[in-house]
């Protein structure tokens, strides 16, 4: 097979994959809020009151972000595991730019553990659920 044919076929396959992905919406994209009641949807107006007391894990994400879609089920898992101990929230950085700017969010997903309104631990990029649970438990133990 000629090299240019391989390039054309590969480019066509990538284009088809990307087009297909763009047309399929995740539950978060369809509803504009997290799919689980275990995860609280946050925005510029609700953020401060939600993180003011206790320990809260916040996932800073966006609907167009591929790694954020990978992170989403892990955040759900953390919320389910910690349901009675801590809260878990998701903040769409496009819908809540003021909060994202205040915490200097430059890449997503970014996950921050807050304790009584103050950030105590931050992760950038896809982070395993076990790591997040451990960080939240550590914040809980230091109360």
Protein backbone atom coordinates (compact mmCIF):
# COMPACT_ATOMS: atom_id res chain seq x y z
CA UNK A 1 0.00 0.00 0.00
CA UNK A 2 1.29 3.44 -0.86
CA UNK A 3 2.13 5.74 2.09
CA UNK A 4 -0.29 8.48 1.00
CA UNK A 5 -3.17 5.99 0.95
CA UNK A 6 -2.39 5.04 4.55
CA UNK A 7 -2.44 8.70 5.53
CA UNK A 8 -5.80 9.29 3.79
CA UNK A 9 -7.39 6.21 5.37
CA UNK A 10 -6.05 7.09 8.82
CA UNK A 11 -7.26 10.69 8.54
CA UNK A 12 -10.70 9.49 7.41
CA UNK A 13 -10.98 7.09 10.33
CA UNK A 14 -9.96 9.78 12.82
CA UNK A 15 -12.45 12.21 11.28
CA UNK A 16 -15.24 9.63 11.52
CA UNK A 17 -14.42 8.92 15.15
CA UNK A 18 -14.35 12.60 16.07
CA UNK A 19 -17.58 13.33 14.22
CA UNK A 20 -19.30 10.42 15.93
CA UNK A 21 -18.10 11.55 19.34
CA UNK A 22 -19.31 15.08 18.75
CA UNK A 23 -22.82 13.90 17.90
CA UNK A 24 -23.20 11.64 20.93
CA UNK A 25 -23.89 13.51 24.11
CA UNK A 26 -23.12 12.23 27.57
CA UNK A 27 -25.83 12.48 30.27
CA UNK A 28 -23.97 15.53 31.60
CA UNK A 29 -24.17 17.26 28.22
CA UNK A 30 -27.85 16.44 27.76
CA UNK A 31 -28.97 17.66 31.16
CA UNK A 32 -26.27 20.20 31.96
CA UNK A 33 -25.86 18.63 35.39
CA UNK A 34 -24.17 15.57 36.85
CA UNK A 35 -26.14 12.34 36.31
CA UNK A 36 -26.09 11.22 39.93
CA UNK A 37 -27.82 12.64 42.97
CA UNK A 38 -24.65 11.76 44.91
CA UNK A 39 -22.82 14.53 43.01
CA UNK A 40 -23.93 18.14 43.48
CA UNK A 41 -23.92 20.45 40.47
CA UNK A 42 -22.14 23.69 41.35
CA UNK A 43 -22.13 27.12 39.70
CA UNK A 44 -20.87 30.64 40.43
CA UNK A 45 -23.80 31.39 42.75
CA UNK A 46 -23.87 28.11 44.74
CA UNK A 47 -20.16 27.34 45.01
CA UNK A 48 -19.24 29.27 48.17
CA UNK A 49 -22.20 28.03 50.21
CA UNK A 50 -21.58 24.41 49.16
CA UNK A 51 -17.89 24.33 50.12
CA UNK A 52 -18.12 26.58 53.20
CA UNK A 53 -18.48 23.77 55.76
CA UNK A 54 -17.06 20.30 55.95
CA UNK A 55 -15.00 18.47 53.35
CA UNK A 56 -15.99 18.76 49.69
CA UNK A 57 -14.31 17.35 46.60
CA UNK A 58 -14.93 19.55 43.54
CA UNK A 59 -14.36 18.36 39.99
CA UNK A 60 -13.65 21.31 37.66
CA UNK A 61 -14.64 20.06 34.19
CA UNK A 62 -16.24 20.97 30.83
CA UNK A 63 -18.56 19.13 28.45
CA UNK A 64 -16.07 19.30 25.56
CA UNK A 65 -13.19 17.80 27.57
CA UNK A 66 -12.39 14.17 26.74
CA UNK A 67 -10.32 13.51 29.89
CA UNK A 68 -13.18 15.01 31.95
CA UNK A 69 -15.51 12.36 30.54
CA UNK A 70 -13.01 9.73 31.64
CA UNK A 71 -12.84 11.32 35.10
CA UNK A 72 -16.64 11.55 35.48
CA UNK A 73 -17.37 7.92 36.43
CA UNK A 74 -14.51 8.00 38.94
CA UNK A 75 -15.99 11.10 40.57
CA UNK A 76 -19.34 9.28 40.74
CA UNK A 77 -17.62 6.34 42.42
CA UNK A 78 -15.99 8.64 45.00
CA UNK A 79 -19.35 10.31 45.70
CA UNK A 80 -20.97 6.93 46.28
CA UNK A 81 -18.17 5.73 48.58
CA UNK A 82 -18.13 8.93 50.64
CA UNK A 83 -21.84 9.74 50.58
CA UNK A 84 -22.21 9.98 54.38
CA UNK A 85 -18.78 11.47 55.09
CA UNK A 86 -18.16 14.24 52.56
CA UNK A 87 -19.81 15.97 49.61
CA UNK A 88 -18.74 15.77 45.99
CA UNK A 89 -19.53 18.50 43.46
CA UNK A 90 -18.92 19.19 39.78
CA UNK A 91 -18.35 22.68 38.42
CA UNK A 92 -18.48 23.27 34.66
CA UNK A 93 -15.73 25.84 34.07
CA UNK A 94 -17.54 27.23 31.02
CA UNK A 95 -20.74 27.81 33.00
CA UNK A 96 -18.95 29.11 36.12
CA UNK A 97 -15.91 31.05 34.91
CA UNK A 98 -15.63 33.27 38.00
CA UNK A 99 -14.96 30.36 40.36
CA UNK A 100 -12.61 28.69 37.90
CA UNK A 101 -10.65 31.93 37.56
CA UNK A 102 -10.55 32.47 41.33
CA UNK A 103 -8.84 29.12 41.83
CA UNK A 104 -6.53 29.52 38.82
CA UNK A 105 -7.92 26.55 36.91
CA UNK A 106 -5.83 26.37 33.75
CA UNK A 107 -6.27 22.73 32.80
CA UNK A 108 -9.10 20.31 33.28
CA UNK A 109 -9.99 18.07 34.83
CA UNK A 110 -8.76 19.67 38.03
CA UNK A 111 -10.01 18.26 41.31
CA UNK A 112 -9.72 20.16 44.57
CA UNK A 113 -10.47 18.95 48.08
CA UNK A 114 -11.89 21.81 50.17
CA UNK A 115 -12.10 21.85 53.94
CA UNK A 116 -14.30 24.53 55.46
CA UNK A 117 -14.04 26.59 52.27
CA UNK A 118 -10.27 26.37 51.87
CA UNK A 119 -8.43 24.19 49.32
CA UNK A 120 -6.30 21.55 51.03
CA UNK A 121 -5.33 19.27 48.12
CA UNK A 122 -5.37 19.68 44.34
CA UNK A 123 -5.03 17.22 41.44
CA UNK A 124 -4.67 18.02 37.73
CA UNK A 125 -5.50 15.50 35.04
CA UNK A 126 -7.36 12.23 35.32
CA UNK A 127 -6.96 11.02 38.91
CA UNK A 128 -7.90 7.53 40.13
CA UNK A 129 -10.88 7.23 42.47
CA UNK A 130 -8.71 5.60 45.16
CA UNK A 131 -6.40 8.63 45.22
CA UNK A 132 -9.34 10.99 45.56
CA UNK A 133 -10.97 8.93 48.33
CA UNK A 134 -7.66 8.86 50.19
CA UNK A 135 -7.27 12.64 49.93
CA UNK A 136 -10.80 13.25 51.16
CA UNK A 137 -10.37 10.82 54.07
CA UNK A 138 -7.10 12.55 54.98
CA UNK A 139 -8.91 15.91 55.08
CA UNK A 140 -11.68 14.39 57.19
CA UNK A 141 -9.18 12.95 59.71
CA UNK A 142 -7.49 16.31 60.20
CA UNK A 143 -10.73 17.96 61.41
